[in-house]
Amino acid sequence: MSAVIHRHPRFDELCDEFQGHPEWFMTWSGTLFRFQTVDFPSSKDILSGKGAAGRGGRWNPPSYATVYGSTTEITALEECKATDRYYGIVTQSPRLLVTIKAHLTRVLNLTHADLRRALDLTLSELAAEDWRKLQAAGKESLTQVIGRAVAETNGSGLLARSATVHRGVNVVIFPSTCRGDRMTVVEGNKLDKLGGRKKV
């Protein structure tokens, strides 16, 4: 996969909008779920966002550490399977369901229609964009530049509708800007022990 070369032209505009409208950012507290491989099971790894930083994601270009989760287990499972469906493969390796409790201080809630209208965005265009294809071609997608602008203006993260599950909601967190926020992996001590056993 090629690194992002061509930055999206809306970056400066979005940064100006976010800086000029601090009221668009809200506090969010809740539970998010994610399915992931057992390769890096420790709490530190889960909350680092390094996996997404290495490969990029719908809401982050490569090099931006990002933690992805969903507000329900069903949405998390379908999001996990989305990559398999996209590439037409079936992954049979084991997956962990991880639960994270979070309190975030500056979240852009893109599930609100009024905010999307203010940003001249629609659910259909956000869901339809093939960010993988654009990234492979060395281009930054619209969703990626939104995430990058949130992170660069010190946003904790964003809430967005799932492109996979009708009315499903995903939580996207940028750990590097979460200075006043809290994230805890539920029963993370058990996962830390699992990680320790893997290294033996």
N, C-alpha and C. Protein backbone atom coordinates (compact mmCIF):
# COMPACT_ATOMS: atom_id res chain seq x y z
N MET A 1 0.84 -1.19 0.00
CA MET A 1 0.00 0.00 0.00
C MET A 1 0.88 1.24 0.00
N SER A 2 0.63 2.16 -0.89
CA SER A 2 1.46 3.35 -0.98
C SER A 2 1.07 4.36 0.08
N ALA A 3 2.04 5.17 0.50
CA ALA A 3 1.77 6.21 1.49
C ALA A 3 0.97 7.34 0.84
N VAL A 4 0.23 8.05 1.68
CA VAL A 4 -0.53 9.17 1.17
C VAL A 4 0.42 10.25 0.67
N ILE A 5 0.23 10.70 -0.56
CA ILE A 5 1.07 11.73 -1.15
C ILE A 5 0.29 13.03 -1.36
N HIS A 6 -0.86 12.90 -1.99
CA HIS A 6 -1.66 14.08 -2.32
C HIS A 6 -2.65 14.37 -1.20
N ARG A 7 -2.40 15.43 -0.46
CA ARG A 7 -3.28 15.81 0.63
C ARG A 7 -4.58 16.40 0.08
N HIS A 8 -5.66 16.14 0.79
CA HIS A 8 -6.97 16.61 0.34
C HIS A 8 -7.04 18.14 0.43
N PRO A 9 -7.64 18.80 -0.58
CA PRO A 9 -7.65 20.27 -0.61
C PRO A 9 -8.52 20.93 0.47
N ARG A 10 -9.36 20.18 1.16
CA ARG A 10 -10.23 20.79 2.16
C ARG A 10 -9.59 20.94 3.53
N PHE A 11 -8.33 20.53 3.67
CA PHE A 11 -7.71 20.50 5.01
C PHE A 11 -7.72 21.88 5.67
N ASP A 12 -7.20 22.90 5.01
CA ASP A 12 -7.13 24.23 5.62
C ASP A 12 -8.52 24.77 5.95
N GLU A 13 -9.46 24.55 5.05
CA GLU A 13 -10.83 25.00 5.27
C GLU A 13 -11.43 24.34 6.51
N LEU A 14 -11.23 23.03 6.63
CA LEU A 14 -11.78 22.31 7.77
C LEU A 14 -11.13 22.75 9.08
N CYS A 15 -9.83 22.96 9.07
CA CYS A 15 -9.15 23.44 10.28
C CYS A 15 -9.71 24.80 10.70
N ASP A 16 -9.91 25.69 9.75
CA ASP A 16 -10.48 27.00 10.06
C ASP A 16 -11.88 26.86 10.66
N GLU A 17 -12.68 25.97 10.08
CA GLU A 17 -14.03 25.75 10.57
C GLU A 17 -14.01 25.22 12.00
N PHE A 18 -13.17 24.24 12.26
CA PHE A 18 -13.12 23.62 13.58
C PHE A 18 -12.60 24.61 14.63
N GLN A 19 -11.62 25.40 14.26
CA GLN A 19 -11.09 26.39 15.20
C GLN A 19 -12.09 27.51 15.45
N GLY A 20 -12.89 27.83 14.43
CA GLY A 20 -13.86 28.91 14.57
C GLY A 20 -15.16 28.50 15.23
N HIS A 21 -15.36 27.20 15.40
CA HIS A 21 -16.60 26.71 16.00
C HIS A 21 -16.31 25.69 17.10
N PRO A 22 -15.78 26.16 18.22
CA PRO A 22 -15.50 25.22 19.32
C PRO A 22 -16.76 24.55 19.85
N GLU A 23 -17.93 25.17 19.61
CA GLU A 23 -19.18 24.58 20.09
C GLU A 23 -19.55 23.31 19.33
N TRP A 24 -18.90 23.06 18.21
CA TRP A 24 -19.15 21.82 17.46
C TRP A 24 -18.58 20.60 18.18
N PHE A 25 -17.68 20.83 19.12
CA PHE A 25 -17.05 19.72 19.84
C PHE A 25 -17.75 19.51 21.18
N MET A 26 -17.98 18.28 21.51
CA MET A 26 -18.74 17.94 22.71
C MET A 26 -17.97 16.94 23.57
N THR A 27 -18.41 16.83 24.82
CA THR A 27 -17.90 15.78 25.69
C THR A 27 -18.67 14.50 25.42
N TRP A 28 -17.95 13.40 25.37
CA TRP A 28 -18.61 12.11 25.17
C TRP A 28 -18.05 11.09 26.14
N SER A 29 -18.94 10.41 26.84
CA SER A 29 -18.54 9.31 27.72
C SER A 29 -19.35 8.08 27.34
N GLY A 30 -18.69 6.95 27.29
CA GLY A 30 -19.41 5.73 26.93
C GLY A 30 -18.50 4.54 26.78
N THR A 31 -19.07 3.49 26.23
CA THR A 31 -18.38 2.23 26.03
C THR A 31 -18.24 1.97 24.54
N LEU A 32 -17.07 1.55 24.12
CA LEU A 32 -16.88 1.16 22.74
C LEU A 32 -16.29 -0.23 22.67
N PHE A 33 -16.62 -0.93 21.60
CA PHE A 33 -16.19 -2.31 21.41
C PHE A 33 -15.36 -2.41 20.14
N ARG A 34 -14.40 -3.34 20.15
CA ARG A 34 -13.61 -3.60 18.95
C ARG A 34 -13.19 -5.06 18.91
N PHE A 35 -13.23 -5.64 17.73
CA PHE A 35 -12.68 -6.97 17.51
C PHE A 35 -11.30 -6.79 16.91
N GLN A 36 -10.34 -7.54 17.41
CA GLN A 36 -8.98 -7.42 16.89
C GLN A 36 -8.27 -8.75 16.98
N THR A 37 -7.15 -8.83 16.28
CA THR A 37 -6.36 -10.06 16.33
C THR A 37 -5.73 -10.21 17.70
N VAL A 38 -5.23 -11.40 17.98
CA VAL A 38 -4.60 -11.68 19.27
C VAL A 38 -3.11 -11.35 19.26
N ASP A 39 -2.62 -10.77 18.17
CA ASP A 39 -1.19 -10.52 18.05
C ASP A 39 -0.68 -9.48 19.05
N PHE A 40 -1.49 -8.45 19.32
CA PHE A 40 -1.07 -7.38 20.23
C PHE A 40 -2.19 -7.12 21.23
N PRO A 41 -2.34 -8.02 22.22
CA PRO A 41 -3.52 -7.96 23.09
C PRO A 41 -3.40 -7.05 24.31
N SER A 42 -2.24 -6.49 24.61
CA SER A 42 -2.10 -5.72 25.84
C SER A 42 -2.87 -4.41 25.78
N SER A 43 -3.22 -3.88 26.95
CA SER A 43 -3.95 -2.61 27.02
C SER A 43 -3.17 -1.49 26.34
N LYS A 44 -1.88 -1.48 26.56
CA LYS A 44 -1.05 -0.44 25.96
C LYS A 44 -1.13 -0.49 24.44
N ASP A 45 -1.06 -1.68 23.88
CA ASP A 45 -1.14 -1.82 22.42
C ASP A 45 -2.51 -1.40 21.90
N ILE A 46 -3.56 -1.83 22.60
CA ILE A 46 -4.93 -1.54 22.17
C ILE A 46 -5.17 -0.05 22.12
N LEU A 47 -4.69 0.68 23.11
CA LEU A 47 -4.95 2.12 23.21
C LEU A 47 -3.93 2.98 22.46
N SER A 48 -2.92 2.35 21.86
CA SER A 48 -1.88 3.13 21.19
C SER A 48 -2.33 3.65 19.83
N GLY A 49 -3.18 2.89 19.15
CA GLY A 49 -3.60 3.28 17.81
C GLY A 49 -2.54 3.08 16.75
N LYS A 50 -1.48 2.34 17.08
CA LYS A 50 -0.36 2.20 16.14
C LYS A 50 -0.73 1.36 14.92
N GLY A 51 -1.64 0.41 15.09
CA GLY A 51 -2.02 -0.41 13.94
C GLY A 51 -2.64 0.44 12.84
N ALA A 52 -3.56 1.31 13.22
CA ALA A 52 -4.19 2.20 12.23
C ALA A 52 -3.18 3.20 11.68
N ALA A 53 -2.23 3.60 12.51
CA ALA A 53 -1.21 4.54 12.03
C ALA A 53 -0.38 3.92 10.92
N GLY A 54 -0.14 2.62 11.01
CA GLY A 54 0.68 1.95 10.01
C GLY A 54 -0.02 1.72 8.69
N ARG A 55 -1.32 1.44 8.75
CA ARG A 55 -2.02 1.08 7.50
C ARG A 55 -3.05 2.10 7.05
N GLY A 56 -3.36 3.09 7.90
CA GLY A 56 -4.41 4.04 7.56
C GLY A 56 -5.78 3.45 7.83
N GLY A 57 -6.81 4.29 7.79
CA GLY A 57 -8.16 3.84 8.03
C GLY A 57 -9.14 4.83 7.42
N ARG A 58 -10.42 4.54 7.56
CA ARG A 58 -11.42 5.43 6.96
C ARG A 58 -11.27 6.87 7.46
N TRP A 59 -10.94 7.04 8.74
CA TRP A 59 -10.89 8.38 9.32
C TRP A 59 -9.49 8.84 9.66
N ASN A 60 -8.48 8.12 9.23
CA ASN A 60 -7.11 8.59 9.48
C ASN A 60 -6.18 8.21 8.34
N PRO A 61 -5.37 9.15 7.86
CA PRO A 61 -4.33 8.79 6.91
C PRO A 61 -3.21 8.07 7.65
N PRO A 62 -2.37 7.33 6.94
CA PRO A 62 -1.23 6.69 7.59
C PRO A 62 -0.40 7.70 8.37
N SER A 63 0.17 7.23 9.46
CA SER A 63 1.03 7.97 10.40
C SER A 63 0.24 8.63 11.53
N TYR A 64 -1.10 8.65 11.46
CA TYR A 64 -1.90 9.21 12.54
C TYR A 64 -2.43 8.07 13.41
N ALA A 65 -1.90 7.96 14.63
CA ALA A 65 -2.35 6.93 15.55
C ALA A 65 -3.83 7.13 15.85
N THR A 66 -4.60 6.05 15.71
CA THR A 66 -6.05 6.16 15.84
C THR A 66 -6.62 4.88 16.44
N VAL A 67 -7.50 5.04 17.41
CA VAL A 67 -8.20 3.90 18.01
C VAL A 67 -9.63 3.90 17.47
N TYR A 68 -10.01 2.78 16.88
CA TYR A 68 -11.36 2.63 16.33
C TYR A 68 -12.19 1.71 17.22
N GLY A 69 -13.45 2.04 17.37
CA GLY A 69 -14.38 1.18 18.09
C GLY A 69 -15.79 1.47 17.65
N SER A 70 -16.73 0.71 18.16
CA SER A 70 -18.14 0.89 17.83
C SER A 70 -18.95 0.87 19.12
N THR A 71 -20.13 1.46 19.08
CA THR A 71 -20.93 1.55 20.30
C THR A 71 -21.72 0.29 20.60
N THR A 72 -21.73 -0.67 19.68
CA THR A 72 -22.34 -1.97 19.94
C THR A 72 -21.41 -3.08 19.47
N GLU A 73 -21.59 -4.25 20.05
CA GLU A 73 -20.76 -5.40 19.66
C GLU A 73 -21.05 -5.83 18.22
N ILE A 74 -22.32 -5.77 17.81
CA ILE A 74 -22.69 -6.18 16.45
C ILE A 74 -22.00 -5.30 15.42
N THR A 75 -22.02 -3.99 15.66
CA THR A 75 -21.36 -3.08 14.73
C THR A 75 -19.86 -3.34 14.69
N ALA A 76 -19.27 -3.59 15.85
CA ALA A 76 -17.83 -3.88 15.90
C ALA A 76 -17.49 -5.12 15.09
N LEU A 77 -18.32 -6.16 15.19
CA LEU A 77 -18.06 -7.39 14.44
C LEU A 77 -18.16 -7.14 12.93
N GLU A 78 -19.19 -6.42 12.51
CA GLU A 78 -19.36 -6.14 11.08
C GLU A 78 -18.24 -5.25 10.55
N GLU A 79 -17.78 -4.31 11.35
CA GLU A 79 -16.65 -3.47 10.94
C GLU A 79 -15.39 -4.32 10.79
N CYS A 80 -15.21 -5.27 11.68
CA CYS A 80 -14.04 -6.16 11.61
C CYS A 80 -14.06 -6.99 10.33
N LYS A 81 -15.26 -7.39 9.91
CA LYS A 81 -15.40 -8.23 8.72
C LYS A 81 -15.39 -7.43 7.42
N ALA A 82 -15.50 -6.10 7.53
CA ALA A 82 -15.62 -5.26 6.33
C ALA A 82 -14.40 -5.38 5.42
N THR A 83 -13.22 -5.46 6.00
CA THR A 83 -12.01 -5.56 5.18
C THR A 83 -11.99 -6.89 4.42
N ASP A 84 -12.41 -7.95 5.09
CA ASP A 84 -12.48 -9.26 4.42
C ASP A 84 -13.42 -9.19 3.23
N ARG A 85 -14.58 -8.59 3.44
CA ARG A 85 -15.55 -8.49 2.36
C ARG A 85 -15.00 -7.65 1.20
N TYR A 86 -14.31 -6.58 1.54
CA TYR A 86 -13.78 -5.68 0.51
C TYR A 86 -12.80 -6.41 -0.40
N TYR A 87 -11.92 -7.21 0.21
CA TYR A 87 -10.90 -7.90 -0.58
C TYR A 87 -11.33 -9.31 -1.00
N GLY A 88 -12.53 -9.72 -0.60
CA GLY A 88 -13.03 -11.03 -1.00
C GLY A 88 -12.30 -12.19 -0.38
N ILE A 89 -11.92 -12.03 0.89
CA ILE A 89 -11.20 -13.09 1.59
C ILE A 89 -11.96 -13.49 2.85
N VAL A 90 -11.56 -14.60 3.44
CA VAL A 90 -12.15 -15.04 4.70
C VAL A 90 -11.02 -15.23 5.71
N THR A 91 -11.01 -14.42 6.75
CA THR A 91 -9.99 -14.53 7.79
C THR A 91 -10.46 -15.53 8.84
N GLN A 92 -9.65 -16.54 9.09
CA GLN A 92 -10.03 -17.57 10.06
C GLN A 92 -9.22 -17.49 11.34
N SER A 93 -8.35 -16.51 11.45
CA SER A 93 -7.55 -16.37 12.66
C SER A 93 -8.44 -15.87 13.80
N PRO A 94 -8.08 -16.20 15.05
CA PRO A 94 -8.91 -15.81 16.19
C PRO A 94 -8.95 -14.29 16.37
N ARG A 95 -10.06 -13.84 16.95
CA ARG A 95 -10.25 -12.42 17.23
C ARG A 95 -10.65 -12.24 18.69
N LEU A 96 -10.23 -11.14 19.28
CA LEU A 96 -10.63 -10.77 20.63
C LEU A 96 -11.68 -9.68 20.57
N LEU A 97 -12.73 -9.79 21.41
CA LEU A 97 -13.65 -8.69 21.58
C LEU A 97 -13.15 -7.88 22.77
N VAL A 98 -12.79 -6.64 22.52
CA VAL A 98 -12.23 -5.77 23.55
C VAL A 98 -13.23 -4.67 23.87
N THR A 99 -13.39 -4.37 25.15
CA THR A 99 -14.28 -3.30 25.58
C THR A 99 -13.47 -2.17 26.19
N ILE A 100 -13.76 -0.95 25.76
CA ILE A 100 -13.03 0.23 26.24
C ILE A 100 -14.02 1.22 26.83
N LYS A 101 -13.76 1.68 28.04
CA LYS A 101 -14.53 2.75 28.65
C LYS A 101 -13.78 4.06 28.37
N ALA A 102 -14.50 5.06 27.89
CA ALA A 102 -13.84 6.31 27.51
C ALA A 102 -14.61 7.53 28.00
N HIS A 103 -13.84 8.54 28.36
CA HIS A 103 -14.39 9.88 28.63
C HIS A 103 -13.56 10.84 27.80
N LEU A 104 -14.19 11.42 26.78
CA LEU A 104 -13.49 12.26 25.81
C LEU A 104 -14.03 13.69 25.90
N THR A 105 -13.14 14.65 25.85
CA THR A 105 -13.54 16.04 26.11
C THR A 105 -13.86 16.86 24.87
N ARG A 106 -13.32 16.48 23.70
CA ARG A 106 -13.57 17.29 22.50
C ARG A 106 -13.84 16.36 21.31
N VAL A 107 -15.10 16.01 21.12
CA VAL A 107 -15.49 15.05 20.09
C VAL A 107 -16.38 15.74 19.06
N LEU A 108 -16.08 15.54 17.80
CA LEU A 108 -16.90 16.05 16.70
C LEU A 108 -17.94 14.99 16.38
N ASN A 109 -19.20 15.33 16.58
CA ASN A 109 -20.26 14.34 16.43
C ASN A 109 -20.91 14.44 15.05
N LEU A 110 -20.38 13.66 14.12
CA LEU A 110 -20.87 13.68 12.75
C LEU A 110 -22.16 12.88 12.56
N THR A 111 -22.71 12.33 13.65
CA THR A 111 -24.02 11.69 13.54
C THR A 111 -25.13 12.74 13.58
N HIS A 112 -24.82 13.98 13.93
CA HIS A 112 -25.80 15.06 13.98
C HIS A 112 -25.97 15.67 12.59
N ALA A 113 -27.18 15.65 12.09
CA ALA A 113 -27.46 16.16 10.75
C ALA A 113 -27.13 17.64 10.62
N ASP A 114 -27.39 18.44 11.65
CA ASP A 114 -27.13 19.88 11.57
C ASP A 114 -25.64 20.15 11.37
N LEU A 115 -24.80 19.38 12.05
CA LEU A 115 -23.36 19.56 11.90
C LEU A 115 -22.91 19.15 10.51
N ARG A 116 -23.44 18.06 10.00
CA ARG A 116 -23.07 17.64 8.65
C ARG A 116 -23.48 18.70 7.62
N ARG A 117 -24.66 19.30 7.81
CA ARG A 117 -25.09 20.35 6.88
C ARG A 117 -24.15 21.55 6.95
N ALA A 118 -23.72 21.90 8.16
CA ALA A 118 -22.80 23.03 8.31
C ALA A 118 -21.48 22.77 7.59
N LEU A 119 -21.09 21.52 7.53
CA LEU A 119 -19.83 21.15 6.87
C LEU A 119 -20.04 20.74 5.41
N ASP A 120 -21.26 20.84 4.94
CA ASP A 120 -21.60 20.47 3.57
C ASP A 120 -21.23 19.02 3.30
N LEU A 121 -21.67 18.14 4.22
CA LEU A 121 -21.41 16.71 4.10
C LEU A 121 -22.72 15.95 4.15
N THR A 122 -22.77 14.80 3.51
CA THR A 122 -23.93 13.92 3.60
C THR A 122 -23.50 12.53 4.01
N LEU A 123 -24.42 11.81 4.64
CA LEU A 123 -24.11 10.44 5.04
C LEU A 123 -23.76 9.58 3.84
N SER A 124 -24.47 9.78 2.74
CA SER A 124 -24.25 8.94 1.56
C SER A 124 -22.85 9.12 0.98
N GLU A 125 -22.37 10.36 0.90
CA GLU A 125 -21.03 10.56 0.33
C GLU A 125 -19.94 10.05 1.28
N LEU A 126 -20.15 10.18 2.58
CA LEU A 126 -19.16 9.68 3.54
C LEU A 126 -19.09 8.16 3.49
N ALA A 127 -20.25 7.50 3.34
CA ALA A 127 -20.27 6.04 3.34
C ALA A 127 -19.81 5.46 2.01
N ALA A 128 -20.08 6.18 0.92
CA ALA A 128 -19.79 5.63 -0.41
C ALA A 128 -18.33 5.76 -0.82
N GLU A 129 -17.61 6.66 -0.20
CA GLU A 129 -16.23 6.92 -0.62
C GLU A 129 -15.35 5.68 -0.42
N ASP A 130 -14.61 5.30 -1.42
CA ASP A 130 -13.71 4.16 -1.35
C ASP A 130 -12.33 4.65 -0.89
N TRP A 131 -12.19 4.82 0.41
CA TRP A 131 -10.95 5.38 0.93
C TRP A 131 -9.75 4.46 0.68
N ARG A 132 -9.97 3.15 0.67
CA ARG A 132 -8.87 2.22 0.42
C ARG A 132 -8.29 2.42 -0.98
N LYS A 133 -9.18 2.55 -1.96
CA LYS A 133 -8.74 2.75 -3.34
C LYS A 133 -7.99 4.07 -3.49
N LEU A 134 -8.52 5.12 -2.86
CA LEU A 134 -7.86 6.43 -2.94
C LEU A 134 -6.49 6.38 -2.28
N GLN A 135 -6.42 5.75 -1.11
CA GLN A 135 -5.13 5.68 -0.40
C GLN A 135 -4.11 4.89 -1.19
N ALA A 136 -4.56 3.78 -1.79
CA ALA A 136 -3.65 2.97 -2.60
C ALA A 136 -3.11 3.75 -3.79
N ALA A 137 -3.90 4.74 -4.25
CA ALA A 137 -3.47 5.58 -5.37
C ALA A 137 -2.67 6.80 -4.90
N GLY A 138 -2.38 6.85 -3.60
CA GLY A 138 -1.59 7.96 -3.08
C GLY A 138 -2.38 9.23 -2.83
N LYS A 139 -3.69 9.07 -2.56
CA LYS A 139 -4.54 10.23 -2.33
C LYS A 139 -5.21 10.13 -0.96
N GLU A 140 -5.43 11.27 -0.35
CA GLU A 140 -6.12 11.32 0.93
C GLU A 140 -7.62 11.45 0.68
N SER A 141 -8.41 10.62 1.36
CA SER A 141 -9.85 10.65 1.16
C SER A 141 -10.48 11.79 1.97
N LEU A 142 -11.74 12.09 1.66
CA LEU A 142 -12.46 13.13 2.39
C LEU A 142 -12.58 12.77 3.87
N THR A 143 -12.92 11.51 4.16
CA THR A 143 -13.05 11.12 5.56
C THR A 143 -11.70 11.19 6.28
N GLN A 144 -10.63 10.84 5.60
CA GLN A 144 -9.32 10.92 6.23
C GLN A 144 -8.92 12.36 6.54
N VAL A 145 -9.24 13.28 5.64
CA VAL A 145 -8.85 14.67 5.91
C VAL A 145 -9.71 15.27 7.02
N ILE A 146 -10.96 14.82 7.15
CA ILE A 146 -11.76 15.27 8.28
C ILE A 146 -11.12 14.83 9.58
N GLY A 147 -10.74 13.56 9.65
CA GLY A 147 -10.07 13.06 10.85
C GLY A 147 -8.76 13.78 11.13
N ARG A 148 -7.99 14.00 10.08
CA ARG A 148 -6.70 14.69 10.26
C ARG A 148 -6.92 16.11 10.77
N ALA A 149 -7.94 16.81 10.25
CA ALA A 149 -8.21 18.17 10.70
C ALA A 149 -8.69 18.19 12.15
N VAL A 150 -9.48 17.18 12.54
CA VAL A 150 -9.90 17.08 13.95
C VAL A 150 -8.68 16.91 14.84
N ALA A 151 -7.79 15.99 14.46
CA ALA A 151 -6.59 15.75 15.27
C ALA A 151 -5.69 16.98 15.32
N GLU A 152 -5.52 17.66 14.20
CA GLU A 152 -4.62 18.81 14.14
C GLU A 152 -5.18 20.03 14.87
N THR A 153 -6.48 20.05 15.14
CA THR A 153 -7.07 21.15 15.92
C THR A 153 -7.39 20.69 17.34
N ASN A 154 -6.67 19.64 17.78
CA ASN A 154 -6.73 19.14 19.16
C ASN A 154 -8.08 18.54 19.53
N GLY A 155 -8.77 17.97 18.57
CA GLY A 155 -9.97 17.21 18.89
C GLY A 155 -9.60 15.83 19.42
N SER A 156 -10.38 15.35 20.38
CA SER A 156 -10.13 14.02 20.94
C SER A 156 -10.45 12.92 19.93
N GLY A 157 -11.45 13.19 19.09
CA GLY A 157 -11.88 12.20 18.13
C GLY A 157 -13.19 12.60 17.51
N LEU A 158 -13.90 11.62 16.99
CA LEU A 158 -15.18 11.90 16.35
C LEU A 158 -16.11 10.70 16.46
N LEU A 159 -17.40 10.98 16.31
CA LEU A 159 -18.42 9.96 16.19
C LEU A 159 -18.94 10.00 14.76
N ALA A 160 -19.14 8.84 14.16
CA ALA A 160 -19.59 8.79 12.77
C ALA A 160 -20.46 7.56 12.55
N ARG A 161 -21.38 7.67 11.62
CA ARG A 161 -22.20 6.54 11.25
C ARG A 161 -21.33 5.46 10.59
N SER A 162 -21.63 4.22 10.90
CA SER A 162 -20.95 3.11 10.27
C SER A 162 -21.33 3.03 8.80
N ALA A 163 -20.36 2.76 7.96
CA ALA A 163 -20.63 2.55 6.54
C ALA A 163 -21.08 1.11 6.28
N THR A 164 -21.06 0.29 7.33
CA THR A 164 -21.35 -1.14 7.20
C THR A 164 -22.70 -1.52 7.82
N VAL A 165 -23.05 -0.90 8.94
CA VAL A 165 -24.26 -1.26 9.69
C VAL A 165 -25.21 -0.07 9.71
N HIS A 166 -26.45 -0.26 9.27
CA HIS A 166 -27.43 0.81 9.26
C HIS A 166 -27.64 1.34 10.67
N ARG A 167 -27.45 2.62 10.83
CA ARG A 167 -27.59 3.35 12.10
C ARG A 167 -26.54 2.94 13.14
N GLY A 168 -25.57 2.14 12.74
CA GLY A 168 -24.46 1.84 13.64
C GLY A 168 -23.58 3.07 13.81
N VAL A 169 -22.94 3.19 14.96
CA VAL A 169 -22.09 4.34 15.26
C VAL A 169 -20.69 3.89 15.62
N ASN A 170 -19.72 4.51 14.99
CA ASN A 170 -18.32 4.23 15.30
C ASN A 170 -17.71 5.38 16.09
N VAL A 171 -16.78 5.03 16.95
CA VAL A 171 -16.04 6.01 17.75
C VAL A 171 -14.59 5.98 17.27
N VAL A 172 -14.07 7.15 16.93
CA VAL A 172 -12.72 7.28 16.40
C VAL A 172 -11.94 8.20 17.35
N ILE A 173 -10.84 7.70 17.89
CA ILE A 173 -10.10 8.44 18.92
C ILE A 173 -8.66 8.65 18.47
N PHE A 174 -8.16 9.86 18.69
CA PHE A 174 -6.78 10.19 18.36
C PHE A 174 -5.99 10.32 19.67
N PRO A 175 -5.27 9.25 20.07
CA PRO A 175 -4.60 9.24 21.38
C PRO A 175 -3.65 10.41 21.62
N SER A 176 -3.00 10.91 20.58
CA SER A 176 -2.01 11.97 20.78
C SER A 176 -2.63 13.29 21.23
N THR A 177 -3.94 13.45 21.03
CA THR A 177 -4.59 14.70 21.45
C THR A 177 -5.49 14.51 22.66
N CYS A 178 -5.45 13.33 23.26
CA CYS A 178 -6.33 13.02 24.39
C CYS A 178 -5.66 13.33 25.73
N ARG A 179 -5.17 14.55 25.87
CA ARG A 179 -4.41 14.88 27.08
C ARG A 179 -5.28 14.92 28.33
N GLY A 180 -6.51 15.41 28.20
CA GLY A 180 -7.38 15.48 29.37
C GLY A 180 -8.44 14.41 29.38
N ASP A 181 -8.28 13.39 28.57
CA ASP A 181 -9.28 12.36 28.41
C ASP A 181 -8.87 11.08 29.14
N ARG A 182 -9.84 10.17 29.25
CA ARG A 182 -9.57 8.89 29.91
C ARG A 182 -10.03 7.74 29.03
N MET A 183 -9.18 6.74 28.89
CA MET A 183 -9.54 5.51 28.19
C MET A 183 -9.02 4.33 29.01
N THR A 184 -9.91 3.37 29.26
CA THR A 184 -9.54 2.20 30.05
C THR A 184 -10.06 0.95 29.36
N VAL A 185 -9.19 -0.02 29.19
CA VAL A 185 -9.60 -1.31 28.65
C VAL A 185 -10.20 -2.13 29.79
N VAL A 186 -11.44 -2.57 29.63
CA VAL A 186 -12.11 -3.35 30.67
C VAL A 186 -11.38 -4.68 30.87
N GLU A 187 -11.03 -4.97 32.12
CA GLU A 187 -10.26 -6.16 32.49
C GLU A 187 -8.97 -6.24 31.67
N GLY A 188 -8.37 -5.08 31.50
CA GLY A 188 -7.12 -5.02 30.74
C GLY A 188 -6.01 -5.82 31.37
N ASN A 189 -6.06 -6.04 32.68
CA ASN A 189 -5.01 -6.83 33.34
C ASN A 189 -4.97 -8.25 32.82
N LYS A 190 -6.15 -8.79 32.45
CA LYS A 190 -6.17 -10.15 31.89
C LYS A 190 -5.53 -10.17 30.50
N LEU A 191 -5.79 -9.12 29.72
CA LEU A 191 -5.19 -9.04 28.39
C LEU A 191 -3.68 -8.83 28.49
N ASP A 192 -3.25 -8.06 29.50
CA ASP A 192 -1.82 -7.84 29.70
C ASP A 192 -1.11 -9.16 30.01
N LYS A 193 -1.77 -10.02 30.78
CA LYS A 193 -1.20 -11.33 31.09
C LYS A 193 -1.10 -12.18 29.83
N LEU A 194 -2.14 -12.09 28.98
CA LEU A 194 -2.10 -12.83 27.72
C LEU A 194 -0.94 -12.36 26.86
N GLY A 195 -0.73 -11.04 26.81
CA GLY A 195 0.39 -10.50 26.05
C GLY A 195 1.71 -10.97 26.61
N GLY A 196 1.81 -11.07 27.94
CA GLY A 196 3.04 -11.53 28.57
C GLY A 196 3.34 -12.96 28.22
N ARG A 197 2.29 -13.80 28.16
CA ARG A 197 2.50 -15.21 27.82
C ARG A 197 2.95 -15.37 26.38
N LYS A 198 2.46 -14.47 25.49
CA LYS A 198 2.83 -14.58 24.08
C LYS A 198 4.30 -14.29 23.88
N LYS A 199 4.91 -13.48 24.77
CA LYS A 199 6.30 -13.09 24.59
C LYS A 199 7.27 -14.12 25.12
N VAL A 200 6.75 -15.08 25.90
CA VAL A 200 7.63 -16.09 26.48
C VAL A 200 8.13 -17.04 25.41
